[in-house]
Amino acid sequence: MSDRFALTGARIFDGDDWHEDHALVVRDGLVEAILPTGAMPSDIGAVDMGGGMLAPGFVDIQVNGGGGVMLNDHPDAASIETICRAHAPFGTTALLVTLITDTPEITAAAVAAGEEATSRRVPGFLGLHLEGPHLSIARKGAHDPALIRPMLDADQAALIAARQKLPVLLTTVAPESVDPQRVSALTEAGVIVSLGHSDSGYAVATTFAAAGASVVTHLFNAMSQIGNREPGLAGAAIDIGAFFAGLIADGIHVDPATIRIALSAKQGPGKIVLVTDAMATIGTDMTAFTLNGRTIYRKEGSLRLADGTLAGADLDMISAVRYVHRVIGLDLSEVLRMASLYPAQAIGQSHRLGRFANGTAADIVALSDGLDISSVWIGGKKVFGVNASS
């Protein structure tokens, strides 16, 4: 017997357009249809949402931790499950759990954990984002400089092997530590390559885009900035249409005026996508934690090392959505795309995530008109809200 139901009584955003007085029909974990309420078959069990809106679940391609756990400290499937569960109440229904620069042994353990989480079908787990260790020390941010190193043949082979074990694998590299031929080999093997933590200029970024790099990690942070004679990696991310670019929209990492400028100037088809760069604090009241043996302090909405360096973000996706809509002033439809459709496109998953159409995943977030989250479904199973599964 099929698991079939319909959600009614809310406006529906399908990733492109809004539907009034329609029902979202779900069958066996997939979207079946969006139908006028009056055309819905009588044998479908209907759930009246009582107003608000339904939107595709958020897709976050940079999540370092949550629920008190960092993947670096606990590279196992249980931690991946904890992180995914911690982000679900904030509307994130698919995410790339991110490993910050670490040792080869920890990296291998994280890949094994991702493989196990995939086999266990952990709700919300989409794959891994390996942020480093092939970065630039000059733009290291909170990454441990002792662990940053150039990519060698064995590293390239390990990434290609890891991709065969995971649904999605994204890696952040800096041109200072990786040559274009390696990027081409990685992308040909299905690895998504993002440029970040780099002091490289526009011309180098252009070369790496031609080699297959298609994402830029946390726009404006830990990269060369836009100058009058050198656009830098930040300028390349905006001007080169091949690049999608992650954005940490918390009011701390990037000034709101800078965000507005970037949104106005971004060349496509690549888009700016919302990321949280979230750490262990999400879903907890913890005030500090450790990364690579260093303490990170949570204070006034930010996470910082003792010297004041930003270390990830104390941010969830619905807060980023609210910020870009209310502070930046972007139309809600476009903000929702930045949180779901565009990140799905960035990692080649828009055929099943980021939109509602026949056969897409029934990953759903129910929002009030004030952008509070009332319920969340992953694969048609309610994971947050009244009567959510445990």
Protein backbone atom coordinates (compact mmCIF):
# COMPACT_ATOMS: atom_id res chain seq x y z
CA MET A 1 0.00 0.00 0.00
CA SER A 2 1.39 3.37 -1.00
CA ASP A 3 2.10 6.17 1.45
CA ARG A 4 0.02 8.93 -0.14
CA PHE A 5 -1.20 12.20 1.34
CA ALA A 6 -1.80 15.83 0.43
CA LEU A 7 -0.96 19.10 2.14
CA THR A 8 -3.62 21.77 1.69
CA GLY A 9 -4.54 25.19 3.04
CA ALA A 10 -1.19 26.89 2.34
CA ARG A 11 0.35 28.79 -0.53
CA ILE A 12 2.77 26.54 -2.41
CA PHE A 13 6.07 27.69 -3.87
CA ASP A 14 7.31 25.08 -6.34
CA GLY A 15 10.78 26.59 -6.84
CA ASP A 16 9.62 28.75 -9.71
CA ASP A 17 6.06 29.93 -9.10
CA TRP A 18 3.45 30.31 -6.39
CA HIS A 19 0.19 28.34 -6.31
CA GLU A 20 -2.89 29.54 -4.44
CA ASP A 21 -5.73 27.19 -3.42
CA HIS A 22 -3.73 24.13 -4.47
CA ALA A 23 -2.70 20.88 -2.79
CA LEU A 24 0.75 19.33 -2.70
CA VAL A 25 0.29 15.59 -3.26
CA VAL A 26 2.99 13.23 -1.93
CA ARG A 27 3.31 9.56 -2.75
CA ASP A 28 5.95 7.13 -1.49
CA GLY A 29 8.34 9.90 -0.50
CA LEU A 30 8.10 11.79 -3.77
CA VAL A 31 6.07 14.71 -5.01
CA GLU A 32 3.27 13.39 -7.21
CA ALA A 33 1.56 16.62 -8.24
CA ILE A 34 0.40 20.10 -7.35
CA LEU A 35 -3.34 20.10 -7.96
CA PRO A 36 -6.15 22.64 -7.58
CA THR A 37 -7.79 21.84 -4.28
CA GLY A 38 -11.10 21.16 -6.02
CA ALA A 39 -9.48 18.62 -8.34
CA MET A 40 -7.90 16.52 -5.62
CA PRO A 41 -9.16 12.89 -5.58
CA SER A 42 -11.37 12.11 -2.62
CA ASP A 43 -9.34 9.05 -1.59
CA ILE A 44 -6.23 11.08 -0.69
CA GLY A 45 -5.81 11.87 2.98
CA ALA A 46 -5.53 15.64 3.31
CA VAL A 47 -3.70 17.62 5.97
CA ASP A 48 -4.91 21.21 6.30
CA MET A 49 -1.92 23.44 7.06
CA GLY A 50 -4.17 26.31 8.16
CA GLY A 51 -2.34 28.99 6.20
CA GLY A 52 1.27 29.93 5.67
CA MET A 53 3.33 28.50 2.83
CA LEU A 54 5.00 25.32 1.65
CA ALA A 55 8.41 25.48 -0.02
CA PRO A 56 11.09 23.03 -1.12
CA GLY A 57 13.35 22.05 1.76
CA PHE A 58 16.59 23.97 2.11
CA VAL A 59 19.83 22.55 0.69
CA ASP A 60 23.01 23.52 2.55
CA ILE A 61 26.32 22.69 0.89
CA GLN A 62 28.53 23.72 3.83
CA VAL A 63 27.71 22.36 7.29
CA ASN A 64 30.61 21.69 9.63
CA GLY A 65 28.58 20.60 12.63
CA GLY A 66 25.44 20.81 14.72
CA GLY A 67 23.80 19.30 17.76
CA GLY A 68 27.03 19.70 19.73
CA VAL A 69 29.07 17.69 17.23
CA MET A 70 31.82 18.55 14.73
CA LEU A 71 32.64 16.02 12.02
CA ASN A 72 36.35 16.73 12.58
CA ASP A 73 36.18 15.58 16.19
CA HIS A 74 33.84 12.63 15.59
CA PRO A 75 34.18 11.39 12.00
CA ASP A 76 31.56 8.66 12.17
CA ALA A 77 28.06 7.96 10.86
CA ALA A 78 26.45 8.68 14.23
CA SER A 79 27.84 12.21 14.16
CA ILE A 80 26.60 12.72 10.61
CA GLU A 81 23.15 11.67 11.76
CA THR A 82 23.31 14.05 14.74
CA ILE A 83 24.33 16.95 12.50
CA CYS A 84 21.55 16.26 9.99
CA ARG A 85 18.98 15.96 12.76
CA ALA A 86 20.13 19.23 14.35
CA HIS A 87 19.59 21.21 11.14
CA ALA A 88 16.20 19.76 10.16
CA PRO A 89 14.16 22.00 12.53
CA PHE A 90 15.66 25.00 10.72
CA GLY A 91 14.36 23.82 7.34
CA THR A 92 17.46 22.06 6.01
CA THR A 93 16.38 18.80 4.41
CA ALA A 94 19.57 18.00 2.47
CA LEU A 95 23.12 18.95 3.37
CA LEU A 96 26.77 18.31 2.71
CA VAL A 97 28.47 17.56 5.99
CA THR A 98 31.76 19.42 5.88
CA LEU A 99 35.19 18.39 7.09
CA ILE A 100 37.51 21.30 7.80
CA THR A 101 41.21 20.82 6.99
CA ASP A 102 42.51 17.82 8.94
CA THR A 103 44.93 14.90 8.75
CA PRO A 104 44.74 12.22 6.03
CA GLU A 105 43.60 9.75 8.68
CA ILE A 106 40.68 11.93 9.81
CA THR A 107 39.77 12.64 6.19
CA ALA A 108 39.69 8.91 5.40
CA ALA A 109 37.52 8.29 8.47
CA ALA A 110 35.11 11.02 7.38
CA VAL A 111 34.78 9.44 3.93
CA ALA A 112 34.11 6.05 5.51
CA ALA A 113 31.51 7.67 7.76
CA GLY A 114 29.87 9.25 4.73
CA GLU A 115 29.77 5.90 2.99
CA GLU A 116 28.10 4.31 6.04
CA ALA A 117 25.61 7.19 6.37
CA THR A 118 24.74 6.72 2.70
CA SER A 119 24.13 2.99 3.15
CA ARG A 120 22.02 3.71 6.23
CA ARG A 121 20.06 6.36 4.33
CA VAL A 122 20.48 8.93 7.07
CA PRO A 123 17.68 11.48 6.53
CA GLY A 124 19.08 14.71 5.14
CA PHE A 125 22.56 13.40 4.36
CA LEU A 126 23.51 14.31 0.81
CA GLY A 127 27.27 13.82 0.80
CA LEU A 128 30.50 15.42 1.98
CA HIS A 129 32.25 18.74 1.51
CA LEU A 130 35.99 18.42 2.12
CA GLU A 131 37.12 21.98 2.80
CA GLY A 132 40.88 21.65 2.51
CA PRO A 133 43.61 20.72 3.25
CA HIS A 134 44.76 22.01 -0.17
CA LEU A 135 44.36 25.70 0.59
CA SER A 136 46.48 28.85 0.81
CA ILE A 137 48.10 29.60 4.14
CA ALA A 138 47.83 33.30 3.30
CA ARG A 139 44.03 32.94 3.40
CA LYS A 140 43.79 30.16 5.96
CA GLY A 141 41.07 31.71 8.12
CA ALA A 142 40.44 29.32 11.02
CA HIS A 143 42.09 26.35 9.26
CA ASP A 144 45.15 24.98 11.02
CA PRO A 145 48.19 26.10 8.94
CA ALA A 146 50.16 23.06 10.10
CA LEU A 147 47.69 20.84 8.21
CA ILE A 148 47.49 22.83 4.96
CA ARG A 149 49.50 21.28 2.10
CA PRO A 150 49.66 20.94 -1.69
CA MET A 151 47.66 18.23 -3.43
CA LEU A 152 49.74 15.20 -4.40
CA ASP A 153 48.93 12.26 -6.68
CA ALA A 154 47.76 10.20 -3.70
CA ASP A 155 45.40 12.97 -2.59
CA GLN A 156 43.89 13.24 -6.05
CA ALA A 157 43.42 9.46 -6.21
CA ALA A 158 41.83 9.42 -2.75
CA LEU A 159 39.31 12.10 -3.75
CA ILE A 160 38.37 10.23 -6.90
CA ALA A 161 37.98 7.00 -4.92
CA ALA A 162 35.86 8.80 -2.31
CA ARG A 163 33.53 10.11 -5.00
CA GLN A 164 32.68 6.52 -5.94
CA LYS A 165 31.45 5.93 -2.38
CA LEU A 166 29.33 9.06 -1.97
CA PRO A 167 26.27 10.52 -3.74
CA VAL A 168 27.91 13.96 -3.80
CA LEU A 169 31.48 15.01 -3.07
CA LEU A 170 32.53 18.67 -3.12
CA THR A 171 36.02 19.81 -2.25
CA THR A 172 37.32 23.33 -1.64
CA VAL A 173 40.81 23.95 -2.96
CA ALA A 174 43.06 26.94 -3.58
CA PRO A 175 44.92 27.36 -6.89
CA GLU A 176 48.07 27.92 -4.84
CA SER A 177 47.96 24.24 -3.81
CA VAL A 178 46.31 22.53 -6.80
CA ASP A 179 47.05 22.83 -10.51
CA PRO A 180 44.34 23.01 -13.21
CA GLN A 181 45.13 19.52 -14.54
CA ARG A 182 44.20 18.01 -11.18
CA VAL A 183 40.96 19.98 -11.15
CA SER A 184 40.10 18.63 -14.59
CA ALA A 185 40.79 15.07 -13.44
CA LEU A 186 38.64 15.54 -10.36
CA THR A 187 35.68 17.06 -12.17
CA GLU A 188 35.84 14.41 -14.90
CA ALA A 189 35.50 11.84 -12.08
CA GLY A 190 32.41 13.60 -10.74
CA VAL A 191 33.99 15.58 -7.91
CA ILE A 192 32.61 19.12 -7.60
CA VAL A 193 35.51 21.55 -7.19
CA SER A 194 35.13 24.83 -5.36
CA LEU A 195 37.75 27.57 -5.10
CA GLY A 196 38.30 29.13 -1.71
CA HIS A 197 40.78 30.14 0.98
CA SER A 198 42.85 31.63 -1.81
CA ASP A 199 44.73 34.81 -2.66
CA SER A 200 44.55 34.06 -6.38
CA GLY A 201 43.50 36.73 -8.84
CA TYR A 202 40.90 36.94 -11.56
CA ALA A 203 43.00 35.47 -14.37
CA VAL A 204 43.90 32.39 -12.34
CA ALA A 205 40.24 31.89 -11.38
CA THR A 206 39.34 32.05 -15.07
CA THR A 207 41.84 29.29 -15.82
CA PHE A 208 40.43 27.11 -13.06
CA ALA A 209 36.86 27.71 -14.22
CA ALA A 210 37.92 26.48 -17.66
CA ALA A 211 39.42 23.41 -15.96
CA GLY A 212 36.06 22.60 -14.36
CA ALA A 213 35.88 24.41 -11.02
CA SER A 214 32.27 25.52 -10.64
CA VAL A 215 31.78 26.85 -7.09
CA VAL A 216 33.42 29.48 -4.90
CA THR A 217 33.40 28.91 -1.14
CA HIS A 218 31.89 31.56 1.18
CA LEU A 219 32.04 34.61 -1.09
CA PHE A 220 34.21 37.52 0.21
CA ASN A 221 35.56 35.48 3.13
CA ALA A 222 39.11 34.07 3.07
CA MET A 223 39.80 35.23 -0.48
CA SER A 224 41.34 38.07 -2.50
CA GLN A 225 38.95 41.00 -2.68
CA ILE A 226 37.71 43.23 -5.51
CA GLY A 227 40.21 45.98 -6.33
CA ASN A 228 40.31 48.68 -8.95
CA ARG A 229 42.95 46.89 -11.04
CA GLU A 230 42.61 43.32 -9.77
CA PRO A 231 39.09 41.90 -9.32
CA GLY A 232 40.43 39.06 -7.17
CA LEU A 233 38.69 35.77 -6.51
CA ALA A 234 35.69 37.66 -5.12
CA GLY A 235 35.30 39.54 -8.38
CA ALA A 236 35.78 36.36 -10.39
CA ALA A 237 33.04 34.63 -8.41
CA ILE A 238 30.64 37.40 -9.34
CA ASP A 239 31.71 38.06 -12.92
CA ILE A 240 32.37 34.53 -14.23
CA GLY A 241 29.06 32.88 -15.05
CA ALA A 242 30.34 29.33 -14.51
CA PHE A 243 30.68 29.90 -10.77
CA PHE A 244 28.06 29.36 -8.12
CA ALA A 245 29.10 31.14 -4.92
CA GLY A 246 28.23 30.32 -1.34
CA LEU A 247 27.21 33.24 0.89
CA ILE A 248 27.14 33.35 4.70
CA ALA A 249 24.27 35.77 5.30
CA ASP A 250 24.46 36.43 9.02
CA GLY A 251 25.22 40.17 9.10
CA ILE A 252 28.72 39.40 10.38
CA HIS A 253 30.66 37.75 7.57
CA VAL A 254 29.58 40.13 4.79
CA ASP A 255 28.20 43.67 5.01
CA PRO A 256 24.59 43.99 3.76
CA ALA A 257 25.56 46.62 1.19
CA THR A 258 28.21 44.28 -0.18
CA ILE A 259 25.62 41.50 -0.43
CA ARG A 260 23.27 43.77 -2.36
CA ILE A 261 26.06 44.76 -4.76
CA ALA A 262 27.00 41.12 -5.34
CA LEU A 263 23.41 40.05 -5.95
CA SER A 264 22.95 42.87 -8.45
CA ALA A 265 26.18 42.13 -10.29
CA LYS A 266 26.28 38.30 -10.34
CA GLN A 267 26.63 36.89 -13.83
CA GLY A 268 24.88 33.61 -14.60
CA PRO A 269 24.04 30.87 -15.13
CA GLY A 270 25.80 30.34 -11.80
CA LYS A 271 24.04 31.88 -8.81
CA ILE A 272 24.78 33.02 -5.29
CA VAL A 273 23.58 30.37 -2.84
CA LEU A 274 22.97 30.54 0.88
CA VAL A 275 25.24 28.46 3.10
CA THR A 276 25.44 28.38 6.87
CA ASP A 277 29.07 27.28 7.42
CA ALA A 278 27.48 26.10 10.67
CA MET A 279 29.45 24.66 13.55
CA ALA A 280 28.62 22.41 16.50
CA THR A 281 26.61 25.13 18.26
CA ILE A 282 23.48 24.82 16.10
CA GLY A 283 20.60 23.43 18.12
CA THR A 284 22.50 23.80 21.42
CA ASP A 285 23.24 26.35 24.13
CA MET A 286 26.97 25.61 24.19
CA THR A 287 29.26 28.63 24.51
CA ALA A 288 32.53 27.10 23.28
CA PHE A 289 33.94 24.04 21.54
CA THR A 290 37.23 22.87 20.04
CA LEU A 291 38.51 22.42 16.48
CA ASN A 292 41.93 20.84 15.82
CA GLY A 293 42.71 21.39 19.50
CA ARG A 294 41.88 25.11 19.47
CA THR A 295 38.97 26.64 21.38
CA ILE A 296 36.28 28.47 19.44
CA TYR A 297 34.12 30.88 21.41
CA ARG A 298 30.43 31.63 20.78
CA LYS A 299 29.53 35.23 21.50
CA GLU A 300 27.09 37.80 20.12
CA GLY A 301 26.09 35.73 17.13
CA SER A 302 29.60 34.85 15.99
CA LEU A 303 32.16 32.10 16.49
CA ARG A 304 35.78 33.14 16.87
CA LEU A 305 39.20 31.88 17.84
CA ALA A 306 40.88 33.56 20.78
CA ASP A 307 42.61 36.02 18.41
CA GLY A 308 39.23 37.12 16.98
CA THR A 309 39.42 35.16 13.71
CA LEU A 310 35.98 34.09 12.53
CA ALA A 311 35.62 30.30 12.69
CA GLY A 312 32.57 29.18 10.78
CA ALA A 313 29.20 30.65 11.65
CA ASP A 314 26.55 30.41 14.33
CA LEU A 315 23.88 30.35 11.64
CA ASP A 316 20.97 28.21 10.49
CA MET A 317 19.25 28.34 7.11
CA ILE A 318 15.94 29.89 8.11
CA SER A 319 17.85 32.72 9.83
CA ALA A 320 19.80 33.29 6.61
CA VAL A 321 16.53 33.33 4.64
CA ARG A 322 15.02 35.89 7.01
CA TYR A 323 18.14 38.05 6.86
CA VAL A 324 18.32 38.21 3.08
CA HIS A 325 14.59 38.86 2.78
CA ARG A 326 14.20 41.39 5.59
CA VAL A 327 17.58 43.14 5.73
CA ILE A 328 18.83 42.83 2.17
CA GLY A 329 15.31 43.33 0.82
CA LEU A 330 15.33 40.52 -1.74
CA ASP A 331 12.03 39.13 -2.97
CA LEU A 332 11.04 36.04 -0.96
CA SER A 333 10.76 33.85 -4.05
CA GLU A 334 14.38 34.54 -4.96
CA VAL A 335 15.57 34.05 -1.38
CA LEU A 336 13.88 30.65 -1.27
CA ARG A 337 15.63 29.73 -4.52
CA MET A 338 18.95 30.77 -2.97
CA ALA A 339 18.24 28.36 -0.11
CA SER A 340 17.04 25.40 -2.16
CA LEU A 341 17.02 25.43 -5.96
CA TYR A 342 20.33 27.19 -6.58
CA PRO A 343 22.42 25.08 -4.18
CA ALA A 344 20.80 21.97 -5.67
CA GLN A 345 21.88 23.20 -9.11
CA ALA A 346 25.39 23.91 -7.84
CA ILE A 347 25.88 20.26 -6.93
CA GLY A 348 23.95 18.71 -9.81
CA GLN A 349 20.93 17.67 -7.77
CA SER A 350 18.19 19.97 -9.09
CA HIS A 351 16.49 17.07 -10.87
CA ARG A 352 15.31 15.90 -7.45
CA LEU A 353 15.91 18.71 -4.95
CA GLY A 354 15.02 22.39 -4.70
CA ARG A 355 11.69 22.21 -6.54
CA PHE A 356 8.30 20.52 -6.46
CA ALA A 357 7.51 18.54 -9.61
CA ASN A 358 6.41 15.02 -10.37
CA GLY A 359 9.11 12.67 -9.09
CA THR A 360 11.15 15.13 -7.02
CA ALA A 361 11.90 14.38 -3.38
CA ALA A 362 9.12 15.27 -0.96
CA ASP A 363 11.49 17.46 1.05
CA ILE A 364 9.17 20.15 2.35
CA VAL A 365 9.34 23.07 4.75
CA ALA A 366 6.12 24.63 6.09
CA LEU A 367 6.52 28.31 6.93
CA SER A 368 4.27 30.84 8.59
CA ASP A 369 3.73 34.17 6.90
CA GLY A 370 6.26 35.52 9.43
CA LEU A 371 8.84 32.93 8.26
CA ASP A 372 8.66 30.72 11.30
CA ILE A 373 9.00 26.99 10.61
CA SER A 374 6.07 24.83 11.69
CA SER A 375 6.87 21.49 10.04
CA VAL A 376 9.55 19.79 7.97
CA TRP A 377 9.39 16.63 5.87
CA ILE A 378 12.30 14.66 4.40
CA GLY A 379 11.34 12.10 1.78
CA GLY A 380 7.70 12.47 2.76
CA LYS A 381 8.40 11.69 6.43
CA LYS A 382 7.75 14.42 8.94
CA VAL A 383 10.95 15.07 10.89
CA PHE A 384 9.94 18.27 12.66
CA GLY A 385 6.58 19.54 13.90
CA VAL A 386 3.57 17.97 15.55
CA ASN A 387 3.56 14.18 15.19
CA ALA A 388 7.05 14.12 13.72
CA SER A 389 8.78 10.74 13.59
CA SER A 390 11.47 10.21 16.20
